[in-house]
Protein backbone atom coordinates (compact mmCIF):
# COMPACT_ATOMS: atom_id res chain seq x y z
CA UNK A 1 1.82 13.55 -7.67
CA UNK A 2 -1.13 12.98 -9.99
CA UNK A 3 -4.06 14.57 -8.04
CA UNK A 4 -6.22 12.34 -6.17
CA UNK A 5 -9.10 11.18 -7.78
CA UNK A 6 -12.88 12.92 -6.36
CA UNK A 7 -13.76 8.41 -6.29
CA UNK A 8 -10.78 7.80 -4.16
CA UNK A 9 -11.30 10.68 -2.10
CA UNK A 10 -15.19 10.05 -1.09
CA UNK A 11 -14.18 6.57 -0.50
CA UNK A 12 -11.64 7.29 2.52
CA UNK A 13 -14.86 9.42 3.28
CA UNK A 14 -16.70 6.82 3.93
CA UNK A 15 -13.97 4.10 5.06
CA UNK A 16 -13.39 6.88 8.03
CA UNK A 17 -17.20 6.66 9.11
CA UNK A 18 -16.83 2.66 8.81
CA UNK A 19 -13.71 2.59 11.05
CA UNK A 20 -15.41 4.70 13.85
CA UNK A 21 -18.59 2.72 13.45
CA UNK A 22 -17.62 -0.37 12.67
CA UNK A 23 -21.19 -1.85 13.21
CA UNK A 24 -20.31 -4.16 9.70
CA UNK A 25 -17.17 -5.76 10.86
CA UNK A 26 -18.04 -9.29 10.89
CA UNK A 27 -19.61 -8.85 7.20
CA UNK A 28 -16.85 -10.00 5.04
CA UNK A 29 -13.27 -9.22 4.30
CA UNK A 30 -13.27 -5.62 3.99
CA UNK A 31 -14.08 -4.71 7.04
CA UNK A 32 -11.09 -6.80 9.57
CA UNK A 33 -8.69 -5.52 6.75
CA UNK A 34 -9.88 -2.20 7.18
CA UNK A 35 -10.02 -2.21 11.18
CA UNK A 36 -6.12 -2.88 10.47
CA UNK A 37 -5.57 0.77 9.44
CA UNK A 38 -6.19 4.05 11.44
CA UNK A 39 -5.57 6.33 7.87
CA UNK A 40 -6.37 5.25 4.27
CA UNK A 41 -3.54 5.79 1.53
CA UNK A 42 -4.87 5.59 -1.80
CA UNK A 43 -3.15 2.04 -1.96
CA UNK A 44 -5.03 1.11 1.03
CA UNK A 45 -8.26 1.94 -0.39
CA UNK A 46 -7.67 0.30 -3.96
CA UNK A 47 -6.76 -2.75 -2.01
CA UNK A 48 -9.92 -2.60 0.41
CA UNK A 49 -11.76 -2.08 -3.19
CA UNK A 50 -10.46 -5.15 -4.58
CA UNK A 51 -11.13 -6.84 -1.40
CA UNK A 52 -14.31 -5.98 -1.81
CA UNK A 53 -16.57 -8.68 -3.89
CA UNK A 54 -19.94 -6.53 -3.90
CA UNK A 55 -21.79 -8.78 -1.70
CA UNK A 56 -23.68 -5.77 -0.79
CA UNK A 57 -24.52 -6.62 2.65
CA UNK A 58 -23.14 -3.39 4.22
CA UNK A 59 -25.21 -1.55 2.16
CA UNK A 60 -28.09 -2.73 3.57
CA UNK A 61 -27.18 -3.51 7.32
CA UNK A 62 -25.93 0.59 7.51
CA UNK A 63 -27.75 2.69 9.01
CA UNK A 64 -25.65 5.50 7.20
CA UNK A 65 -26.99 4.59 4.03
CA UNK A 66 -28.85 6.55 1.60
CA UNK A 67 -30.81 8.80 2.09
CA UNK A 68 -29.26 9.22 5.00
CA UNK A 69 -27.02 12.65 5.12
CA UNK A 70 -23.87 10.58 5.40
CA UNK A 71 -24.43 8.83 2.00
CA UNK A 72 -22.59 5.90 2.69
CA UNK A 73 -22.43 3.13 -0.18
CA UNK A 74 -20.03 0.85 0.06
CA UNK A 75 -20.79 -1.26 -2.89
CA UNK A 76 -21.33 1.45 -5.40
CA UNK A 77 -18.19 3.46 -4.27
CA UNK A 78 -15.76 0.75 -4.52
CA UNK A 79 -17.02 -0.69 -7.47
CA UNK A 80 -16.10 2.88 -9.33
CA UNK A 81 -12.60 2.55 -7.30
CA UNK A 82 -11.94 -0.92 -8.86
CA UNK A 83 -12.39 0.28 -12.22
CA UNK A 84 -10.22 3.32 -11.85
CA UNK A 85 -7.64 1.14 -10.70
CA UNK A 86 -8.02 -1.10 -13.71
CA UNK A 87 -7.45 1.99 -15.26
CA UNK A 88 -4.98 2.92 -13.94
CA UNK A 89 -2.74 0.08 -13.92
CA UNK A 90 -3.67 -1.31 -17.27
CA UNK A 91 -0.62 -1.57 -20.04
CA UNK A 92 0.22 -0.45 -21.97
CA UNK A 93 -0.49 3.08 -19.92
CA UNK A 94 -2.60 3.96 -22.90
CA UNK A 95 -4.79 1.76 -23.27
CA UNK A 96 -6.29 2.52 -19.72
CA UNK A 97 -8.77 4.59 -21.54
CA UNK A 98 -10.29 1.81 -22.97
CA UNK A 99 -11.67 1.51 -19.34
CA UNK A 100 -13.69 4.57 -19.56
CA UNK A 101 -16.10 3.37 -22.23
CA UNK A 102 -15.37 -0.65 -21.99
CA UNK A 103 -18.76 -1.42 -23.21
CA UNK A 104 -18.51 -0.22 -26.27
CA UNK A 105 -14.74 -1.15 -26.81
CA UNK A 106 -15.85 -4.37 -25.93
CA UNK A 107 -18.69 -4.95 -28.56
CA UNK A 108 -17.00 -3.08 -31.05
CA UNK A 109 -13.86 -5.35 -31.04
CA UNK A 110 -16.27 -8.49 -30.64
CA UNK A 111 -18.03 -7.48 -34.22
CA UNK A 112 -14.16 -6.63 -35.48
CA UNK A 113 -13.25 -9.85 -34.74
CA UNK A 114 -16.31 -11.93 -36.37
CA UNK A 115 -16.01 -9.81 -39.22
CA UNK A 116 -12.40 -10.08 -39.90
CA UNK A 117 -12.62 -13.51 -39.33
CA UNK A 118 -14.83 -13.72 -41.64
CA UNK A 119 -13.52 -11.82 -44.28
CA UNK A 120 -10.04 -13.96 -43.98
CA UNK A 121 -11.70 -17.07 -44.10
CA UNK A 122 -13.74 -15.87 -47.15
CA UNK A 123 -10.34 -14.60 -49.39
CA UNK A 124 -8.37 -17.52 -48.53
CA UNK A 125 -10.48 -20.58 -48.89
CA UNK A 126 -12.03 -21.91 -52.09
CA UNK A 127 -15.96 -21.03 -52.26
CA UNK A 128 -16.80 -24.88 -53.08
CA UNK A 129 -14.64 -25.96 -50.32
CA UNK A 130 -16.23 -23.26 -47.21
CA UNK A 131 -19.45 -23.66 -48.00
CA UNK A 132 -19.46 -27.61 -48.21
CA UNK A 133 -19.69 -30.23 -45.42
CA UNK A 134 -16.02 -31.40 -44.42
CA UNK A 135 -15.40 -34.75 -42.52
CA UNK A 136 -12.65 -36.22 -40.76
CA UNK A 137 -9.35 -35.77 -40.05
CA UNK A 138 -8.68 -32.36 -40.37
CA UNK A 139 -11.80 -31.00 -41.23
CA UNK A 140 -11.24 -27.56 -39.40
CA UNK A 141 -7.72 -26.91 -40.79
CA UNK A 142 -9.33 -27.45 -44.69
CA UNK A 143 -11.77 -24.33 -43.72
CA UNK A 144 -9.15 -22.49 -42.04
CA UNK A 145 -5.40 -23.35 -42.36
CA UNK A 146 -3.93 -24.61 -39.41
CA UNK A 147 -0.98 -22.09 -39.04
CA UNK A 148 -3.36 -19.17 -39.37
CA UNK A 149 -5.53 -20.53 -36.90
CA UNK A 150 -2.70 -21.06 -34.27
CA UNK A 151 -1.25 -17.80 -35.22
CA UNK A 152 -3.63 -15.34 -34.61
CA UNK A 153 -4.53 -17.95 -30.87
CA UNK A 154 -0.96 -17.23 -29.71
CA UNK A 155 -0.72 -13.59 -30.48
CA UNK A 156 -3.82 -12.55 -29.36
CA UNK A 157 -3.77 -15.26 -26.15
CA UNK A 158 0.02 -13.94 -25.67
CA UNK A 159 -0.42 -10.59 -25.55
CA UNK A 160 -3.45 -10.72 -22.91
CA UNK A 161 -1.38 -12.68 -20.92
CA UNK A 162 1.77 -9.99 -21.15
CA UNK A 163 -0.87 -7.18 -20.38
CA UNK A 164 -2.33 -9.00 -18.08
CA UNK A 165 1.06 -9.55 -16.13
CA UNK A 166 2.15 -6.47 -16.46
CA UNK A 167 -0.98 -4.61 -15.25
CA UNK A 168 -0.55 -7.10 -11.94
CA UNK A 169 2.90 -5.80 -11.42
CA UNK A 170 1.75 -2.46 -11.95
CA UNK A 171 -1.37 -2.92 -9.22
CA UNK A 172 1.18 -4.40 -6.44
CA UNK A 173 3.48 -1.86 -6.56
CA UNK A 174 0.81 1.42 -6.60
CA UNK A 175 -1.42 -0.55 -3.53
CA UNK A 176 2.49 -1.65 -1.68
CA UNK A 177 0.99 -5.59 -2.10
CA UNK A 178 3.75 -7.62 -1.57
CA UNK A 179 6.03 -9.21 -4.06
CA UNK A 180 7.92 -12.23 -4.58
CA UNK A 181 8.61 -14.62 -1.62
CA UNK A 182 5.83 -17.75 -2.03
CA UNK A 183 4.80 -18.48 1.68
CA UNK A 184 2.42 -21.30 1.49
CA UNK A 185 0.15 -20.77 4.36
CA UNK A 186 -1.59 -17.12 2.68
CA UNK A 187 -1.23 -18.49 -1.00
CA UNK A 188 -3.35 -21.54 0.16
CA UNK A 189 -5.94 -19.47 1.88
CA UNK A 190 -5.97 -16.84 -0.75
CA UNK A 191 -6.36 -19.95 -3.71
CA UNK A 192 -9.37 -21.82 -1.52
CA UNK A 193 -10.92 -17.84 -1.34
CA UNK A 194 -10.65 -17.80 -5.33
CA UNK A 195 -11.93 -21.60 -6.26
CA UNK A 196 -14.72 -21.77 -3.70
CA UNK A 197 -15.54 -17.83 -3.63
CA UNK A 198 -16.41 -17.78 -0.10
CA UNK A 199 -16.64 -14.28 -0.03
CA UNK A 200 -19.99 -14.90 -1.52
CA UNK A 201 -21.43 -17.19 0.49
CA UNK A 202 -21.65 -14.35 3.07
CA UNK A 203 -20.76 -16.65 5.95
CA UNK A 204 -23.40 -19.37 4.73
CA UNK A 205 -26.52 -17.53 4.75
CA UNK A 206 -25.40 -15.95 1.39
CA UNK A 207 -25.10 -12.37 0.21
CA UNK A 208 -27.93 -9.54 -0.62
CA UNK A 209 -27.84 -10.77 -4.74
CA UNK A 210 -31.19 -8.49 -5.05
CA UNK A 211 -32.32 -6.96 -2.48
CA UNK A 212 -32.00 -7.07 1.55
CA UNK A 213 -32.72 -11.17 1.62
CA UNK A 214 -30.35 -13.21 1.67
CA UNK A 215 -29.11 -15.48 -1.04
CA UNK A 216 -26.14 -17.37 -3.05
CA UNK A 217 -27.68 -16.83 -5.99
CA UNK A 218 -24.66 -14.93 -7.58
CA UNK A 219 -22.16 -16.88 -5.56
CA UNK A 220 -23.55 -20.16 -7.94
CA UNK A 221 -23.45 -17.91 -10.83
CA UNK A 222 -20.27 -16.83 -10.63
CA UNK A 223 -18.68 -20.85 -10.13
CA UNK A 224 -20.49 -21.74 -13.35
CA UNK A 225 -19.15 -18.93 -15.07
CA UNK A 226 -15.71 -19.55 -13.76
CA UNK A 227 -16.32 -23.68 -13.85
CA UNK A 228 -17.20 -23.65 -17.51
CA UNK A 229 -14.16 -21.04 -18.05
CA UNK A 230 -11.78 -23.33 -16.85
CA UNK A 231 -13.27 -26.64 -18.27
CA UNK A 232 -13.18 -25.06 -21.96
CA UNK A 233 -9.15 -23.93 -21.68
CA UNK A 234 -8.73 -27.68 -20.37
CA UNK A 235 -10.77 -28.57 -23.79
CA UNK A 236 -7.99 -26.27 -25.52
CA UNK A 237 -5.13 -27.84 -24.06
CA UNK A 238 -6.37 -31.36 -24.03
CA UNK A 239 -7.06 -31.00 -27.69
CA UNK A 240 -3.50 -29.19 -28.40
CA UNK A 241 -1.96 -32.75 -26.41
CA UNK A 242 -4.06 -34.70 -28.38
CA UNK A 243 -2.47 -32.87 -31.64
CA UNK A 244 1.13 -32.40 -30.74
CA UNK A 245 1.76 -35.18 -28.75
CA UNK A 246 -0.60 -37.96 -29.47
CA UNK A 247 -1.16 -37.26 -33.52
CA UNK A 248 -4.67 -37.46 -32.82
CA UNK A 249 -6.01 -35.07 -35.22
CA UNK A 250 -10.11 -32.92 -34.54
CA UNK A 251 -12.37 -32.82 -35.16
CA UNK A 252 -13.07 -35.40 -31.99
CA UNK A 253 -15.98 -37.83 -31.45
CA UNK A 254 -18.49 -36.33 -29.34
CA UNK A 255 -17.39 -38.50 -26.16
CA UNK A 256 -13.60 -37.88 -26.33
CA UNK A 257 -12.43 -35.85 -23.41
CA UNK A 258 -11.64 -32.51 -25.19
CA UNK A 259 -15.40 -32.12 -26.46
CA UNK A 260 -16.84 -33.37 -23.65
CA UNK A 261 -14.52 -30.69 -21.58
CA UNK A 262 -15.64 -28.32 -24.02
CA UNK A 263 -19.31 -29.38 -24.03
CA UNK A 264 -20.15 -28.84 -20.01
CA UNK A 265 -18.04 -26.06 -20.10
CA UNK A 266 -19.73 -24.32 -23.01
CA UNK A 267 -23.05 -25.01 -21.14
CA UNK A 268 -21.87 -23.76 -17.76
CA UNK A 269 -20.68 -20.39 -19.69
CA UNK A 270 -23.82 -19.79 -20.80
CA UNK A 271 -25.45 -20.34 -17.62
CA UNK A 272 -23.71 -18.63 -15.44
CA UNK A 273 -23.29 -15.52 -18.05
CA UNK A 274 -26.82 -15.14 -18.59
CA UNK A 275 -27.72 -15.61 -15.27
CA UNK A 276 -25.41 -12.84 -13.90
CA UNK A 277 -26.66 -10.30 -16.69
CA UNK A 278 -30.07 -11.42 -15.27
CA UNK A 279 -28.93 -10.50 -11.63
CA UNK A 280 -27.69 -7.43 -12.73
CA UNK A 281 -31.33 -6.51 -14.34
CA UNK A 282 -33.47 -7.49 -11.47
CA UNK A 283 -31.01 -6.48 -8.42
CA UNK A 284 -31.80 -3.41 -6.16
CA UNK A 285 -30.21 -0.45 -7.67
CA UNK A 286 -29.06 1.59 -5.24
CA UNK A 287 -25.97 -0.17 -4.25
CA UNK A 288 -25.13 -0.64 -7.61
CA UNK A 289 -22.14 1.76 -9.55
CA UNK A 290 -24.70 2.39 -12.81
CA UNK A 291 -21.99 3.94 -15.04
CA UNK A 292 -20.50 0.58 -15.14
CA UNK A 293 -23.13 -1.42 -16.15
CA UNK A 294 -22.50 -1.06 -20.08
CA UNK A 295 -18.95 -2.66 -19.87
CA UNK A 296 -20.12 -5.66 -17.30
CA UNK A 297 -23.02 -6.59 -19.85
CA UNK A 298 -21.11 -6.58 -22.88
CA UNK A 299 -18.27 -8.70 -21.04
CA UNK A 300 -20.94 -11.23 -20.34
CA UNK A 301 -22.68 -11.01 -23.97
CA UNK A 302 -19.37 -11.77 -25.37
CA UNK A 303 -18.58 -14.93 -23.17
CA UNK A 304 -22.10 -15.93 -23.66
CA UNK A 305 -21.91 -15.47 -27.12
CA UNK A 306 -18.47 -17.50 -27.27
CA UNK A 307 -19.60 -20.68 -25.32
CA UNK A 308 -23.23 -20.67 -27.27
CA UNK A 309 -21.11 -20.42 -30.91
CA UNK A 310 -19.04 -23.27 -29.57
CA UNK A 311 -22.09 -25.35 -28.94
CA UNK A 312 -23.34 -24.79 -31.91
CA UNK A 313 -20.17 -25.47 -34.14
CA UNK A 314 -20.39 -28.92 -32.70
CA UNK A 315 -23.75 -28.66 -33.38
CA UNK A 316 -22.93 -28.25 -37.35
CA UNK A 317 -19.63 -29.33 -37.64
CA UNK A 318 -20.56 -31.74 -39.71
CA UNK A 319 -22.16 -29.85 -42.16
CA UNK A 320 -21.85 -26.79 -44.50
CA UNK A 321 -22.62 -24.14 -42.03
CA UNK A 322 -19.23 -25.14 -40.53
CA UNK A 323 -16.82 -23.23 -42.03
CA UNK A 324 -18.90 -19.97 -40.96
CA UNK A 325 -19.56 -21.26 -37.74
CA UNK A 326 -15.99 -21.96 -36.75
CA UNK A 327 -15.05 -18.30 -38.26
CA UNK A 328 -17.59 -16.49 -36.24
CA UNK A 329 -16.30 -18.46 -32.87
CA UNK A 330 -12.44 -17.83 -33.49
CA UNK A 331 -13.36 -14.39 -34.25
CA UNK A 332 -14.84 -13.61 -31.14
CA UNK A 333 -12.32 -16.26 -28.98
CA UNK A 334 -9.76 -13.82 -30.75
CA UNK A 335 -11.60 -10.61 -29.80
CA UNK A 336 -12.40 -11.70 -25.89
CA UNK A 337 -8.34 -12.09 -25.57
CA UNK A 338 -7.72 -8.61 -26.66
CA UNK A 339 -10.13 -6.77 -24.58
CA UNK A 340 -9.10 -9.06 -21.53
CA UNK A 341 -6.43 -6.94 -20.32
CA UNK A 342 -9.17 -4.25 -20.45
CA UNK A 343 -12.59 -5.86 -18.86
CA UNK A 344 -14.19 -6.76 -16.38
CA UNK A 345 -12.08 -9.74 -16.52
CA UNK A 346 -9.57 -8.05 -14.90
CA UNK A 347 -11.04 -8.00 -11.88
CA UNK A 348 -10.42 -11.70 -10.79
CA UNK A 349 -6.73 -11.13 -11.24
CA UNK A 350 -6.84 -8.12 -8.71
CA UNK A 351 -8.89 -9.65 -6.42
CA UNK A 352 -6.88 -13.00 -5.88
CA UNK A 353 -3.62 -10.31 -5.00
CA UNK A 354 -5.67 -8.90 -2.53
CA UNK A 355 -6.98 -11.94 -1.26
CA UNK A 356 -3.63 -13.02 -0.81
CA UNK A 357 -2.41 -9.48 0.77
CA UNK A 358 -5.20 -10.13 3.10
CA UNK A 359 -4.18 -13.66 4.26
CA UNK A 360 -0.31 -12.33 4.92
CA UNK A 361 -1.45 -9.21 6.37
CA UNK A 362 -3.68 -11.27 8.93
CA UNK A 363 -1.36 -13.39 10.06
CA UNK A 364 1.53 -10.60 10.60
CA UNK A 365 -0.81 -7.59 11.32
CA UNK A 366 -0.55 -6.12 14.83
CA UNK A 367 -4.33 -6.36 16.69
CA UNK A 368 -6.73 -4.16 14.74
CA UNK A 369 -6.33 -0.60 15.44
CA UNK A 370 -8.55 1.51 17.90
CA UNK A 371 -11.71 3.23 15.94
CA UNK A 372 -11.27 7.06 16.09
């Protein structure tokens, strides 16, 4: 049996103090879940850490927060524990080590993806075609062959889905989260929490996004990023339907459904990614796990660049710059698919599982355990 990490031991110490105090039990989803337990296994602590949305309310309200000798800092400790859970449950297992330097890995793979895409395009394409304006049906595919674009997309995206599904299975096993058996009540509650990001609303008054003051800024920026990402995914799905079912080849008109979904999705992604990065720069550093900042900034930068290059591609698609911009955009997208299972992106998946488990526990657990 593997030795317990220092982060797990520290999280247990803090949770035991919190479970005895219970001043913050109404602040978020973590504390009602905490009160259902008298002791905390590593799986319990990992579940609570992924249930935490980093609202920082407990830190600013806690009488035992630094500089008190107890040094209770749940947001920072749980952030580090979440990172450990991502690495521990990664698939394939050796890839878990990438989480230790996720910022560097994201940056290197993004640069490598762009470089390889440009090299492939230059090697496969006649310069007269690559650097000349392409218009009309199939313009993109005259620069990058359709078979190559689709093959790279399917392989990289397919790998990301497989790796994240296996990671989710590992996470459920390591935390003891329920597997199988669909219950519509808890599933609906968890889905609503995920889509609305209710736990970033602080019960309506907001969370402590920047300091001890209340704000809903982080919630709306997360909504913008998530909503933009889903609109871009919908644009891809719609474009695929147009191509294979209706026989309508890209590039499509600006007012067409795929382009409109992608345009507004890109705008929202840029707003969300840039806004969240700004919040991370100006927020109170006390409840922040500083060693994780590199990876978080890197994935936000990658998402911003994907959206920005997509919008630039739309702007220059009828000019000679289209070929290079298409290669850069696709290189960033394919790199994103490869790093997705080993970056902060997995927090959405694990947090969703934690919310589902919490919704089930609320319906089946006995009355909250008495504090020690």
